[in-house]
Amino acid sequence: MATDRPTTTLWRPTGPVELELVRELGWRAWPPRLPEQPIFYPVLNEDYAIRIARDWNVKHDGAGFVTRFEVESEFLRRYPVQQAGGRTILELWVPAAELAEFNAHIVGGITVVHEFR
């Protein structure tokens, strides 16, 4: 979806299973949440995403990946920034039921920018 509207860069730390689902979706969308995942939470800075992928995903999944993608800024205004810890630990909380609409506002593709094993 090409747009002239401003976009916001987001990051998502992910494990190998979710990353494979993103690949199957053509690197254009996030897969539906599982029943035990009521929210989808992209993060607002790369360093925080790296910490989760390296320190959590590797330990639990054997590998961790950091993805980067752009979303229309105007659309993102509906999701208040959540401070999940320190002042740089910032996330957006997208309800699982809204993920398809969120995906429709991704501009361009989802790219892997870091890999940890």
PDB file of N, CA and C in Angstrom:
ATOM      1  N   MET A   1       0.849  -1.185   0.000  1.00  0.00           N
ATOM      2  CA  MET A   1       0.000   0.000   0.000  1.00  0.00           C
ATOM      3  C   MET A   1       0.888   1.239   0.000  1.00  0.00           C
ATOM      4  N   ALA A   2       0.979   1.917  -1.091  1.00  0.00           N
ATOM      5  CA  ALA A   2       1.791   3.133  -1.173  1.00  0.00           C
ATOM      6  C   ALA A   2       0.977   4.303  -0.632  1.00  0.00           C
ATOM      7  N   THR A   3       1.673   5.189   0.023  1.00  0.00           N
ATOM      8  CA  THR A   3       0.986   6.344   0.589  1.00  0.00           C
ATOM      9  C   THR A   3       1.938   7.524   0.639  1.00  0.00           C
ATOM     10  N   ASP A   4       1.385   8.716   0.529  1.00  0.00           N
ATOM     11  CA  ASP A   4       2.177   9.929   0.698  1.00  0.00           C
ATOM     12  C   ASP A   4       2.051  10.440   2.126  1.00  0.00           C
ATOM     13  N   ARG A   5       1.254   9.739   2.926  1.00  0.00           N
ATOM     14  CA  ARG A   5       1.056  10.161   4.310  1.00  0.00           C
ATOM     15  C   ARG A   5       2.290   9.798   5.143  1.00  0.00           C
ATOM     16  N   PRO A   6       2.535  10.569   6.207  1.00  0.00           N
ATOM     17  CA  PRO A   6       3.683  10.271   7.075  1.00  0.00           C
ATOM     18  C   PRO A   6       3.546   8.894   7.726  1.00  0.00           C
ATOM     19  N   THR A   7       4.690   8.257   7.927  1.00  0.00           N
ATOM     20  CA  THR A   7       4.708   6.948   8.581  1.00  0.00           C
ATOM     21  C   THR A   7       5.571   7.013   9.833  1.00  0.00           C
ATOM     22  N   THR A   8       5.360   6.028  10.692  1.00  0.00           N
ATOM     23  CA  THR A   8       6.137   5.857  11.907  1.00  0.00           C
ATOM     24  C   THR A   8       6.841   4.518  11.819  1.00  0.00           C
ATOM     25  N   THR A   9       8.126   4.502  12.154  1.00  0.00           N
ATOM     26  CA  THR A   9       8.890   3.260  12.166  1.00  0.00           C
ATOM     27  C   THR A   9       8.628   2.529  13.475  1.00  0.00           C
ATOM     28  N   LEU A  10       8.293   1.252  13.369  1.00  0.00           N
ATOM     29  CA  LEU A  10       8.101   0.394  14.537  1.00  0.00           C
ATOM     30  C   LEU A  10       9.019  -0.807  14.407  1.00  0.00           C
ATOM     31  N   TRP A  11       9.283  -1.451  15.539  1.00  0.00           N
ATOM     32  CA  TRP A  11      10.080  -2.667  15.575  1.00  0.00           C
ATOM     33  C   TRP A  11       9.277  -3.734  16.286  1.00  0.00           C
ATOM     34  N   ARG A  12       9.580  -4.975  15.970  1.00  0.00           N
ATOM     35  CA  ARG A  12       8.908  -6.095  16.631  1.00  0.00           C
ATOM     36  C   ARG A  12       9.934  -7.188  16.862  1.00  0.00           C
ATOM     37  N   PRO A  13      10.217  -7.513  18.133  1.00  0.00           N
ATOM     38  CA  PRO A  13      11.050  -8.679  18.414  1.00  0.00           C
ATOM     39  C   PRO A  13      10.188  -9.926  18.226  1.00  0.00           C
ATOM     40  N   THR A  14      10.744 -10.939  17.615  1.00  0.00           N
ATOM     41  CA  THR A  14       9.949 -12.125  17.322  1.00  0.00           C
ATOM     42  C   THR A  14      10.816 -13.373  17.314  1.00  0.00           C
ATOM     43  N   GLY A  15      10.168 -14.491  17.513  1.00  0.00           N
ATOM     44  CA  GLY A  15      10.852 -15.769  17.451  1.00  0.00           C
ATOM     45  C   GLY A  15      10.688 -16.384  16.071  1.00  0.00           C
ATOM     46  N   PRO A  16      11.290 -17.552  15.860  1.00  0.00           N
ATOM     47  CA  PRO A  16      11.272 -18.177  14.541  1.00  0.00           C
ATOM     48  C   PRO A  16       9.891 -18.594  14.050  1.00  0.00           C
ATOM     49  N   VAL A  17       8.994 -18.988  14.931  1.00  0.00           N
ATOM     50  CA  VAL A  17       7.663 -19.433  14.497  1.00  0.00           C
ATOM     51  C   VAL A  17       6.872 -18.253  13.936  1.00  0.00           C
ATOM     52  N   GLU A  18       6.821 -17.152  14.678  1.00  0.00           N
ATOM     53  CA  GLU A  18       6.094 -15.985  14.190  1.00  0.00           C
ATOM     54  C   GLU A  18       6.744 -15.445  12.914  1.00  0.00           C
ATOM     55  N   LEU A  19       8.076 -15.452  12.867  1.00  0.00           N
ATOM     56  CA  LEU A  19       8.762 -14.937  11.683  1.00  0.00           C
ATOM     57  C   LEU A  19       8.409 -15.759  10.443  1.00  0.00           C
ATOM     58  N   GLU A  20       8.298 -17.057  10.582  1.00  0.00           N
ATOM     59  CA  GLU A  20       7.909 -17.902   9.452  1.00  0.00           C
ATOM     60  C   GLU A  20       6.491 -17.563   8.989  1.00  0.00           C
ATOM     61  N   LEU A  21       5.596 -17.271   9.914  1.00  0.00           N
ATOM     62  CA  LEU A  21       4.236 -16.874   9.538  1.00  0.00           C
ATOM     63  C   LEU A  21       4.238 -15.535   8.790  1.00  0.00           C
ATOM     64  N   VAL A  22       5.092 -14.613   9.211  1.00  0.00           N
ATOM     65  CA  VAL A  22       5.215 -13.333   8.505  1.00  0.00           C
ATOM     66  C   VAL A  22       5.718 -13.587   7.083  1.00  0.00           C
ATOM     67  N   ARG A  23       6.698 -14.485   6.948  1.00  0.00           N
ATOM     68  CA  ARG A  23       7.216 -14.826   5.622  1.00  0.00           C
ATOM     69  C   ARG A  23       6.097 -15.380   4.749  1.00  0.00           C
ATOM     70  N   GLU A  24       5.286 -16.274   5.313  1.00  0.00           N
ATOM     71  CA  GLU A  24       4.173 -16.869   4.567  1.00  0.00           C
ATOM     72  C   GLU A  24       3.149 -15.806   4.147  1.00  0.00           C
ATOM     73  N   LEU A  25       3.075 -14.708   4.872  1.00  0.00           N
ATOM     74  CA  LEU A  25       2.159 -13.613   4.547  1.00  0.00           C
ATOM     75  C   LEU A  25       2.819 -12.590   3.612  1.00  0.00           C
ATOM     76  N   GLY A  26       3.940 -12.969   3.020  1.00  0.00           N
ATOM     77  CA  GLY A  26       4.592 -12.117   2.040  1.00  0.00           C
ATOM     78  C   GLY A  26       5.321 -10.919   2.628  1.00  0.00           C
ATOM     79  N   TRP A  27       5.682 -10.985   3.909  1.00  0.00           N
ATOM     80  CA  TRP A  27       6.386  -9.899   4.594  1.00  0.00           C
ATOM     81  C   TRP A  27       5.554  -8.618   4.620  1.00  0.00           C
ATOM     82  N   ARG A  28       4.218  -8.761   4.601  1.00  0.00           N
ATOM     83  CA  ARG A  28       3.334  -7.593   4.551  1.00  0.00           C
ATOM     84  C   ARG A  28       2.371  -7.505   5.729  1.00  0.00           C
ATOM     85  N   ALA A  29       2.349  -8.524   6.595  1.00  0.00           N
ATOM     86  CA  ALA A  29       1.348  -8.541   7.672  1.00  0.00           C
ATOM     87  C   ALA A  29       1.838  -9.402   8.827  1.00  0.00           C
ATOM     88  N   TRP A  30       1.246  -9.142   9.985  1.00  0.00           N
ATOM     89  CA  TRP A  30       1.488  -9.956  11.182  1.00  0.00           C
ATOM     90  C   TRP A  30       0.379 -10.987  11.289  1.00  0.00           C
ATOM     91  N   PRO A  31       0.703 -12.211  11.713  1.00  0.00           N
ATOM     92  CA  PRO A  31      -0.323 -13.254  11.809  1.00  0.00           C
ATOM     93  C   PRO A  31      -1.288 -12.989  12.958  1.00  0.00           C
ATOM     94  N   PRO A  32      -2.486 -13.561  12.880  1.00  0.00           N
ATOM     95  CA  PRO A  32      -3.449 -13.419  13.979  1.00  0.00           C
ATOM     96  C   PRO A  32      -2.834 -13.890  15.297  1.00  0.00           C
ATOM     97  N   ARG A  33      -3.275 -13.286  16.358  1.00  0.00           N
ATOM     98  CA  ARG A  33      -2.798 -13.656  17.693  1.00  0.00           C
ATOM     99  C   ARG A  33      -3.386 -15.009  18.092  1.00  0.00           C
ATOM    100  N   LEU A  34      -2.667 -15.704  18.930  1.00  0.00           N
ATOM    101  CA  LEU A  34      -3.173 -16.942  19.520  1.00  0.00           C
ATOM    102  C   LEU A  34      -4.148 -16.574  20.639  1.00  0.00           C
ATOM    103  N   PRO A  35      -4.994 -17.510  21.071  1.00  0.00           N
ATOM    104  CA  PRO A  35      -5.969 -17.180  22.128  1.00  0.00           C
ATOM    105  C   PRO A  35      -5.333 -16.588  23.398  1.00  0.00           C
ATOM    106  N   GLU A  36      -4.118 -17.013  23.726  1.00  0.00           N
ATOM    107  CA  GLU A  36      -3.469 -16.498  24.935  1.00  0.00           C
ATOM    108  C   GLU A  36      -2.716 -15.184  24.685  1.00  0.00           C
ATOM    109  N   GLN A  37      -2.881 -14.605  23.496  1.00  0.00           N
ATOM    110  CA  GLN A  37      -2.219 -13.348  23.134  1.00  0.00           C
ATOM    111  C   GLN A  37      -3.274 -12.280  22.830  1.00  0.00           C
ATOM    112  N   PRO A  38      -3.779 -11.593  23.842  1.00  0.00           N
ATOM    113  CA  PRO A  38      -4.853 -10.622  23.606  1.00  0.00           C
ATOM    114  C   PRO A  38      -4.401  -9.342  22.911  1.00  0.00           C
ATOM    115  N   ILE A  39      -3.085  -9.089  22.908  1.00  0.00           N
ATOM    116  CA  ILE A  39      -2.606  -7.876  22.249  1.00  0.00           C
ATOM    117  C   ILE A  39      -1.400  -8.194  21.375  1.00  0.00           C
ATOM    118  N   PHE A  40      -1.207  -7.346  20.384  1.00  0.00           N
ATOM    119  CA  PHE A  40      -0.005  -7.341  19.547  1.00  0.00           C
ATOM    120  C   PHE A  40       0.760  -6.105  19.973  1.00  0.00           C
ATOM    121  N   TYR A  41       2.035  -6.261  20.287  1.00  0.00           N
ATOM    122  CA  TYR A  41       2.752  -5.084  20.776  1.00  0.00           C
ATOM    123  C   TYR A  41       4.053  -4.840  20.009  1.00  0.00           C
ATOM    124  N   PRO A  42       3.974  -3.962  19.009  1.00  0.00           N
ATOM    125  CA  PRO A  42       5.202  -3.471  18.404  1.00  0.00           C
ATOM    126  C   PRO A  42       5.854  -2.479  19.365  1.00  0.00           C
ATOM    127  N   VAL A  43       7.155  -2.275  19.235  1.00  0.00           N
ATOM    128  CA  VAL A  43       7.863  -1.370  20.140  1.00  0.00           C
ATOM    129  C   VAL A  43       8.374  -0.154  19.375  1.00  0.00           C
ATOM    130  N   LEU A  44       8.656   0.913  20.122  1.00  0.00           N
ATOM    131  CA  LEU A  44       8.991   2.191  19.499  1.00  0.00           C
ATOM    132  C   LEU A  44      10.480   2.463  19.378  1.00  0.00           C
ATOM    133  N   ASN A  45      11.324   1.565  19.884  1.00  0.00           N
ATOM    134  CA  ASN A  45      12.744   1.787  19.636  1.00  0.00           C
ATOM    135  C   ASN A  45      13.486   0.478  19.439  1.00  0.00           C
ATOM    136  N   GLU A  46      14.486   0.575  18.606  1.00  0.00           N
ATOM    137  CA  GLU A  46      15.244  -0.599  18.176  1.00  0.00           C
ATOM    138  C   GLU A  46      15.996  -1.258  19.328  1.00  0.00           C
ATOM    139  N   ASP A  47      16.582  -0.461  20.226  1.00  0.00           N
ATOM    140  CA  ASP A  47      17.354  -1.043  21.332  1.00  0.00           C
ATOM    141  C   ASP A  47      16.496  -1.944  22.216  1.00  0.00           C
ATOM    142  N   TYR A  48      15.275  -1.516  22.494  1.00  0.00           N
ATOM    143  CA  TYR A  48      14.361  -2.326  23.303  1.00  0.00           C
ATOM    144  C   TYR A  48      14.029  -3.623  22.563  1.00  0.00           C
ATOM    145  N   ALA A  49      13.777  -3.541  21.266  1.00  0.00           N
ATOM    146  CA  ALA A  49      13.473  -4.741  20.477  1.00  0.00           C
ATOM    147  C   ALA A  49      14.658  -5.705  20.477  1.00  0.00           C
ATOM    148  N   ILE A  50      15.867  -5.170  20.371  1.00  0.00           N
ATOM    149  CA  ILE A  50      17.070  -6.009  20.403  1.00  0.00           C
ATOM    150  C   ILE A  50      17.167  -6.751  21.729  1.00  0.00           C
ATOM    151  N   ARG A  51      16.935  -6.047  22.830  1.00  0.00           N
ATOM    152  CA  ARG A  51      17.025  -6.689  24.146  1.00  0.00           C
ATOM    153  C   ARG A  51      16.045  -7.856  24.272  1.00  0.00           C
ATOM    154  N   ILE A  52      14.808  -7.670  23.805  1.00  0.00           N
ATOM    155  CA  ILE A  52      13.817  -8.742  23.903  1.00  0.00           C
ATOM    156  C   ILE A  52      14.219  -9.914  23.013  1.00  0.00           C
ATOM    157  N   ALA A  53      14.582  -9.630  21.765  1.00  0.00           N
ATOM    158  CA  ALA A  53      14.940 -10.707  20.835  1.00  0.00           C
ATOM    159  C   ALA A  53      16.155 -11.483  21.336  1.00  0.00           C
ATOM    160  N   ARG A  54      17.170 -10.783  21.810  1.00  0.00           N
ATOM    161  CA  ARG A  54      18.422 -11.412  22.243  1.00  0.00           C
ATOM    162  C   ARG A  54      18.263 -12.120  23.582  1.00  0.00           C
ATOM    163  N   ASP A  55      17.587 -11.470  24.528  1.00  0.00           N
ATOM    164  CA  ASP A  55      17.561 -11.991  25.899  1.00  0.00           C
ATOM    165  C   ASP A  55      16.363 -12.885  26.191  1.00  0.00           C
ATOM    166  N   TRP A  56      15.269 -12.727  25.473  1.00  0.00           N
ATOM    167  CA  TRP A  56      14.077 -13.537  25.744  1.00  0.00           C
ATOM    168  C   TRP A  56      13.842 -14.566  24.639  1.00  0.00           C
ATOM    169  N   ASN A  57      13.743 -14.106  23.385  1.00  0.00           N
ATOM    170  CA  ASN A  57      13.431 -15.043  22.294  1.00  0.00           C
ATOM    171  C   ASN A  57      14.495 -16.122  22.140  1.00  0.00           C
ATOM    172  N   VAL A  58      15.761 -15.774  22.242  1.00  0.00           N
ATOM    173  CA  VAL A  58      16.811 -16.792  22.096  1.00  0.00           C
ATOM    174  C   VAL A  58      16.674 -17.848  23.184  1.00  0.00           C
ATOM    175  N   LYS A  59      16.448 -17.396  24.423  1.00  0.00           N
ATOM    176  CA  LYS A  59      16.332 -18.341  25.539  1.00  0.00           C
ATOM    177  C   LYS A  59      15.115 -19.251  25.373  1.00  0.00           C
ATOM    178  N   HIS A  60      13.987 -18.709  24.912  1.00  0.00           N
ATOM    179  CA  HIS A  60      12.748 -19.483  24.822  1.00  0.00           C
ATOM    180  C   HIS A  60      12.551 -20.208  23.491  1.00  0.00           C
ATOM    181  N   ASP A  61      13.116 -19.652  22.403  1.00  0.00           N
ATOM    182  CA  ASP A  61      12.842 -20.190  21.068  1.00  0.00           C
ATOM    183  C   ASP A  61      14.093 -20.629  20.316  1.00  0.00           C
ATOM    184  N   GLY A  62      15.275 -20.408  20.890  1.00  0.00           N
ATOM    185  CA  GLY A  62      16.510 -20.781  20.210  1.00  0.00           C
ATOM    186  C   GLY A  62      17.013 -19.735  19.231  1.00  0.00           C
ATOM    187  N   ALA A  63      16.185 -18.772  18.895  1.00  0.00           N
ATOM    188  CA  ALA A  63      16.580 -17.683  17.999  1.00  0.00           C
ATOM    189  C   ALA A  63      15.664 -16.495  18.254  1.00  0.00           C
ATOM    190  N   GLY A  64      16.190 -15.323  17.993  1.00  0.00           N
ATOM    191  CA  GLY A  64      15.401 -14.100  18.120  1.00  0.00           C
ATOM    192  C   GLY A  64      15.695 -13.185  16.957  1.00  0.00           C
ATOM    193  N   PHE A  65      14.687 -12.492  16.511  1.00  0.00           N
ATOM    194  CA  PHE A  65      14.812 -11.612  15.361  1.00  0.00           C
ATOM    195  C   PHE A  65      14.199 -10.258  15.697  1.00  0.00           C
ATOM    196  N   VAL A  66      14.776  -9.204  15.144  1.00  0.00           N
ATOM    197  CA  VAL A  66      14.190  -7.879  15.249  1.00  0.00           C
ATOM    198  C   VAL A  66      13.731  -7.496  13.852  1.00  0.00           C
ATOM    199  N   THR A  67      12.458  -7.135  13.750  1.00  0.00           N
ATOM    200  CA  THR A  67      11.912  -6.685  12.476  1.00  0.00           C
ATOM    201  C   THR A  67      11.638  -5.189  12.564  1.00  0.00           C
ATOM    202  N   ARG A  68      11.632  -4.560  11.390  1.00  0.00           N
ATOM    203  CA  ARG A  68      11.318  -3.131  11.306  1.00  0.00           C
ATOM    204  C   ARG A  68      10.265  -2.959  10.222  1.00  0.00           C
ATOM    205  N   PHE A  69       9.317  -2.047  10.475  1.00  0.00           N
ATOM    206  CA  PHE A  69       8.277  -1.786   9.492  1.00  0.00           C
ATOM    207  C   PHE A  69       7.691  -0.407   9.731  1.00  0.00           C
ATOM    208  N   GLU A  70       6.985   0.095   8.731  1.00  0.00           N
ATOM    209  CA  GLU A  70       6.394   1.429   8.775  1.00  0.00           C
ATOM    210  C   GLU A  70       4.870   1.311   8.813  1.00  0.00           C
ATOM    211  N   VAL A  71       4.256   2.158   9.621  1.00  0.00           N
ATOM    212  CA  VAL A  71       2.793   2.204   9.707  1.00  0.00           C
ATOM    213  C   VAL A  71       2.372   3.664   9.582  1.00  0.00           C
ATOM    214  N   GLU A  72       1.239   3.899   8.948  1.00  0.00           N
ATOM    215  CA  GLU A  72       0.731   5.265   8.808  1.00  0.00           C
ATOM    216  C   GLU A  72       0.595   5.914  10.191  1.00  0.00           C
ATOM    217  N   SER A  73       1.253   7.041  10.343  1.00  0.00           N
ATOM    218  CA  SER A  73       1.274   7.731  11.647  1.00  0.00           C
ATOM    219  C   SER A  73      -0.124   8.115  12.118  1.00  0.00           C
ATOM    220  N   GLU A  74      -0.952   8.625  11.220  1.00  0.00           N
ATOM    221  CA  GLU A  74      -2.306   9.040  11.603  1.00  0.00           C
ATOM    222  C   GLU A  74      -3.089   7.873  12.207  1.00  0.00           C
ATOM    223  N   PHE A  75      -2.986   6.699  11.602  1.00  0.00           N
ATOM    224  CA  PHE A  75      -3.676   5.512  12.111  1.00  0.00           C
ATOM    225  C   PHE A  75      -3.188   5.160  13.526  1.00  0.00           C
ATOM    226  N   LEU A  76      -1.885   5.278  13.759  1.00  0.00           N
ATOM    227  CA  LEU A  76      -1.314   4.882  15.053  1.00  0.00           C
ATOM    228  C   LEU A  76      -1.766   5.766  16.211  1.00  0.00           C
ATOM    229  N   ARG A  77      -2.308   6.936  15.923  1.00  0.00           N
ATOM    230  CA  ARG A  77      -2.732   7.842  17.003  1.00  0.00           C
ATOM    231  C   ARG A  77      -3.780   7.212  17.918  1.00  0.00           C
ATOM    232  N   ARG A  78      -4.494   6.213  17.422  1.00  0.00           N
ATOM    233  CA  ARG A  78      -5.526   5.569  18.254  1.00  0.00           C
ATOM    234  C   ARG A  78      -4.933   4.709  19.366  1.00  0.00           C
ATOM    235  N   TYR A  79      -3.637   4.422  19.288  1.00  0.00           N
ATOM    236  CA  TYR A  79      -2.986   3.563  20.282  1.00  0.00           C
ATOM    237  C   TYR A  79      -2.033   4.395  21.142  1.00  0.00           C
ATOM    238  N   PRO A  80      -2.410   4.706  22.377  1.00  0.00           N
ATOM    239  CA  PRO A  80      -1.508   5.477  23.236  1.00  0.00           C
ATOM    240  C   PRO A  80      -0.211   4.701  23.484  1.00  0.00           C
ATOM    241  N   VAL A  81       0.876   5.423  23.569  1.00  0.00           N
ATOM    242  CA  VAL A  81       2.165   4.798  23.868  1.00  0.00           C
ATOM    243  C   VAL A  81       2.121   4.274  25.301  1.00  0.00           C
ATOM    244  N   GLN A  82       2.531   3.034  25.469  1.00  0.00           N
ATOM    245  CA  GLN A  82       2.566   2.398  26.787  1.00  0.00           C
ATOM    246  C   GLN A  82       4.009   2.313  27.255  1.00  0.00           C
ATOM    247  N   GLN A  83       4.266   2.802  28.461  1.00  0.00           N
ATOM    248  CA  GLN A  83       5.606   2.689  29.033  1.00  0.00           C
ATOM    249  C   GLN A  83       5.642   1.416  29.861  1.00  0.00           C
ATOM    250  N   ALA A  84       6.372   0.412  29.352  1.00  0.00           N
ATOM    251  CA  ALA A  84       6.354  -0.923  29.952  1.00  0.00           C
ATOM    252  C   ALA A  84       7.501  -1.143  30.930  1.00  0.00           C
ATOM    253  N   GLY A  85       8.146  -0.101  31.331  1.00  0.00           N
ATOM    254  CA  GLY A  85       9.277  -0.203  32.250  1.00  0.00           C
ATOM    255  C   GLY A  85       9.980   1.135  32.289  1.00  0.00           C
ATOM    256  N   GLY A  86      11.258   1.146  31.956  1.00  0.00           N
ATOM    257  CA  GLY A  86      12.030   2.389  31.921  1.00  0.00           C
ATOM    258  C   GLY A  86      11.524   3.336  30.836  1.00  0.00           C
ATOM    259  N   ARG A  87      12.071   4.547  30.806  1.00  0.00           N
ATOM    260  CA  ARG A  87      11.548   5.569  29.901  1.00  0.00           C
ATOM    261  C   ARG A  87      11.734   5.238  28.425  1.00  0.00           C
ATOM    262  N   THR A  88      12.622   4.300  28.094  1.00  0.00           N
ATOM    263  CA  THR A  88      12.810   3.918  26.685  1.00  0.00           C
ATOM    264  C   THR A  88      12.102   2.603  26.351  1.00  0.00           C
ATOM    265  N   ILE A  89      11.385   2.038  27.307  1.00  0.00           N
ATOM    266  CA  ILE A  89      10.678   0.772  27.086  1.00  0.00           C
ATOM    267  C   ILE A  89       9.240   1.114  26.711  1.00  0.00           C
ATOM    268  N   LEU A  90       9.071   1.435  25.428  1.00  0.00           N
ATOM    269  CA  LEU A  90       7.803   1.956  24.932  1.00  0.00           C
ATOM    270  C   LEU A  90       7.198   1.003  23.903  1.00  0.00           C
ATOM    271  N   GLU A  91       5.905   0.766  24.057  1.00  0.00           N
ATOM    272  CA  GLU A  91       5.182  -0.162  23.191  1.00  0.00           C
ATOM    273  C   GLU A  91       3.855   0.459  22.771  1.00  0.00           C
ATOM    274  N   LEU A  92       3.295  -0.095  21.716  1.00  0.00           N
ATOM    275  CA  LEU A  92       1.904   0.161  21.364  1.00  0.00           C
ATOM    276  C   LEU A  92       1.157  -1.136  21.626  1.00  0.00           C
ATOM    277  N   TRP A  93      -0.017  -1.036  22.192  1.00  0.00           N
ATOM    278  CA  TRP A  93      -0.813  -2.230  22.479  1.00  0.00           C
ATOM    279  C   TRP A  93      -1.996  -2.256  21.525  1.00  0.00           C
ATOM    280  N   VAL A  94      -1.920  -3.145  20.552  1.00  0.00           N
ATOM    281  CA  VAL A  94      -2.961  -3.281  19.539  1.00  0.00           C
ATOM    282  C   VAL A  94      -3.816  -4.488  19.917  1.00  0.00           C
ATOM    283  N   PRO A  95      -5.091  -4.296  20.229  1.00  0.00           N
ATOM    284  CA  PRO A  95      -5.943  -5.449  20.556  1.00  0.00           C
ATOM    285  C   PRO A  95      -5.939  -6.467  19.406  1.00  0.00           C
ATOM    286  N   ALA A  96      -5.918  -7.732  19.747  1.00  0.00           N
ATOM    287  CA  ALA A  96      -5.870  -8.798  18.741  1.00  0.00           C
ATOM    288  C   ALA A  96      -6.968  -8.640  17.691  1.00  0.00           C
ATOM    289  N   ALA A  97      -8.137  -8.201  18.112  1.00  0.00           N
ATOM    290  CA  ALA A  97      -9.264  -8.055  17.186  1.00  0.00           C
ATOM    291  C   ALA A  97      -9.027  -6.959  16.150  1.00  0.00           C
ATOM    292  N   GLU A  98      -8.059  -6.069  16.397  1.00  0.00           N
ATOM    293  CA  GLU A  98      -7.775  -4.961  15.479  1.00  0.00           C
ATOM    294  C   GLU A  98      -6.543  -5.210  14.615  1.00  0.00           C
ATOM    295  N   LEU A  99      -5.945  -6.395  14.724  1.00  0.00           N
ATOM    296  CA  LEU A  99      -4.686  -6.635  14.022  1.00  0.00           C
ATOM    297  C   LEU A  99      -4.839  -6.599  12.501  1.00  0.00           C
ATOM    298  N   ALA A 100      -5.923  -7.107  11.959  1.00  0.00           N
ATOM    299  CA  ALA A 100      -6.108  -7.065  10.499  1.00  0.00           C
ATOM    300  C   ALA A 100      -6.157  -5.614  10.011  1.00  0.00           C
ATOM    301  N   GLU A 101      -6.845  -4.761  10.747  1.00  0.00           N
ATOM    302  CA  GLU A 101      -6.901  -3.352  10.373  1.00  0.00           C
ATOM    303  C   GLU A 101      -5.525  -2.702  10.512  1.00  0.00           C
ATOM    304  N   PHE A 102      -4.805  -3.040  11.584  1.00  0.00           N
ATOM    305  CA  PHE A 102      -3.437  -2.554  11.774  1.00  0.00           C
ATOM    306  C   PHE A 102      -2.580  -2.957  10.568  1.00  0.00           C
ATOM    307  N   ASN A 103      -2.657  -4.231  10.183  1.00  0.00           N
ATOM    308  CA  ASN A 103      -1.883  -4.727   9.039  1.00  0.00           C
ATOM    309  C   ASN A 103      -2.190  -3.938   7.769  1.00  0.00           C
ATOM    310  N   ALA A 104      -3.435  -3.533   7.590  1.00  0.00           N
ATOM    311  CA  ALA A 104      -3.831  -2.793   6.389  1.00  0.00           C
ATOM    312  C   ALA A 104      -3.155  -1.423   6.313  1.00  0.00           C
ATOM    313  N   HIS A 105      -2.615  -0.948   7.432  1.00  0.00           N
ATOM    314  CA  HIS A 105      -1.968   0.364   7.467  1.00  0.00           C
ATOM    315  C   HIS A 105      -0.443   0.276   7.473  1.00  0.00           C
ATOM    316  N   ILE A 106       0.090  -0.942   7.317  1.00  0.00           N
ATOM    317  CA  ILE A 106       1.543  -1.099   7.151  1.00  0.00           C
ATOM    318  C   ILE A 106       1.896  -0.600   5.759  1.00  0.00           C
ATOM    319  N   VAL A 107       2.933   0.214   5.682  1.00  0.00           N
ATOM    320  CA  VAL A 107       3.393   0.764   4.406  1.00  0.00           C
ATOM    321  C   VAL A 107       4.691   0.057   4.040  1.00  0.00           C
ATOM    322  N   GLY A 108       4.696  -0.610   2.887  1.00  0.00           N
ATOM    323  CA  GLY A 108       5.880  -1.361   2.490  1.00  0.00           C
ATOM    324  C   GLY A 108       5.896  -2.709   3.182  1.00  0.00           C
ATOM    325  N   GLY A 109       7.076  -3.276   3.311  1.00  0.00           N
ATOM    326  CA  GLY A 109       7.190  -4.605   3.882  1.00  0.00           C
ATOM    327  C   GLY A 109       7.783  -4.608   5.278  1.00  0.00           C
ATOM    328  N   ILE A 110       7.780  -5.785   5.864  1.00  0.00           N
ATOM    329  CA  ILE A 110       8.382  -6.039   7.173  1.00  0.00           C
ATOM    330  C   ILE A 110       9.766  -6.612   6.884  1.00  0.00           C
ATOM    331  N   THR A 111      10.810  -6.028   7.465  1.00  0.00           N
ATOM    332  CA  THR A 111      12.163  -6.511   7.206  1.00  0.00           C
ATOM    333  C   THR A 111      12.842  -6.951   8.490  1.00  0.00           C
ATOM    334  N   VAL A 112      13.671  -7.966   8.381  1.00  0.00           N
ATOM    335  CA  VAL A 112      14.484  -8.433   9.514  1.00  0.00           C
ATOM    336  C   VAL A 112      15.751  -7.582   9.541  1.00  0.00           C
ATOM    337  N   VAL A 113      16.013  -6.960  10.675  1.00  0.00           N
ATOM    338  CA  VAL A 113      17.193  -6.103  10.792  1.00  0.00           C
ATOM    339  C   VAL A 113      18.258  -6.659  11.747  1.00  0.00           C
ATOM    340  N   HIS A 114      17.893  -7.629  12.589  1.00  0.00           N
ATOM    341  CA  HIS A 114      18.847  -8.281  13.482  1.00  0.00           C
ATOM    342  C   HIS A 114      18.423  -9.728  13.700  1.00  0.00           C
ATOM    343  N   GLU A 115      19.423 -10.582  13.899  1.00  0.00           N
ATOM    344  CA  GLU A 115      19.167 -12.002  14.171  1.00  0.00           C
ATOM    345  C   GLU A 115      20.114 -12.448  15.276  1.00  0.00           C
ATOM    346  N   PHE A 116      19.558 -13.162  16.240  1.00  0.00           N
ATOM    347  CA  PHE A 116      20.360 -13.671  17.372  1.00  0.00           C
ATOM    348  C   PHE A 116      20.090 -15.160  17.525  1.00  0.00           C
ATOM    349  N   ARG A 117      21.152 -15.901  17.848  1.00  0.00           N
ATOM    350  CA  ARG A 117      20.991 -17.350  18.053  1.00  0.00           C
ATOM    351  C   ARG A 117      21.768 -17.777  19.280  1.00  0.00           C
TER     352      ARG A 117
END
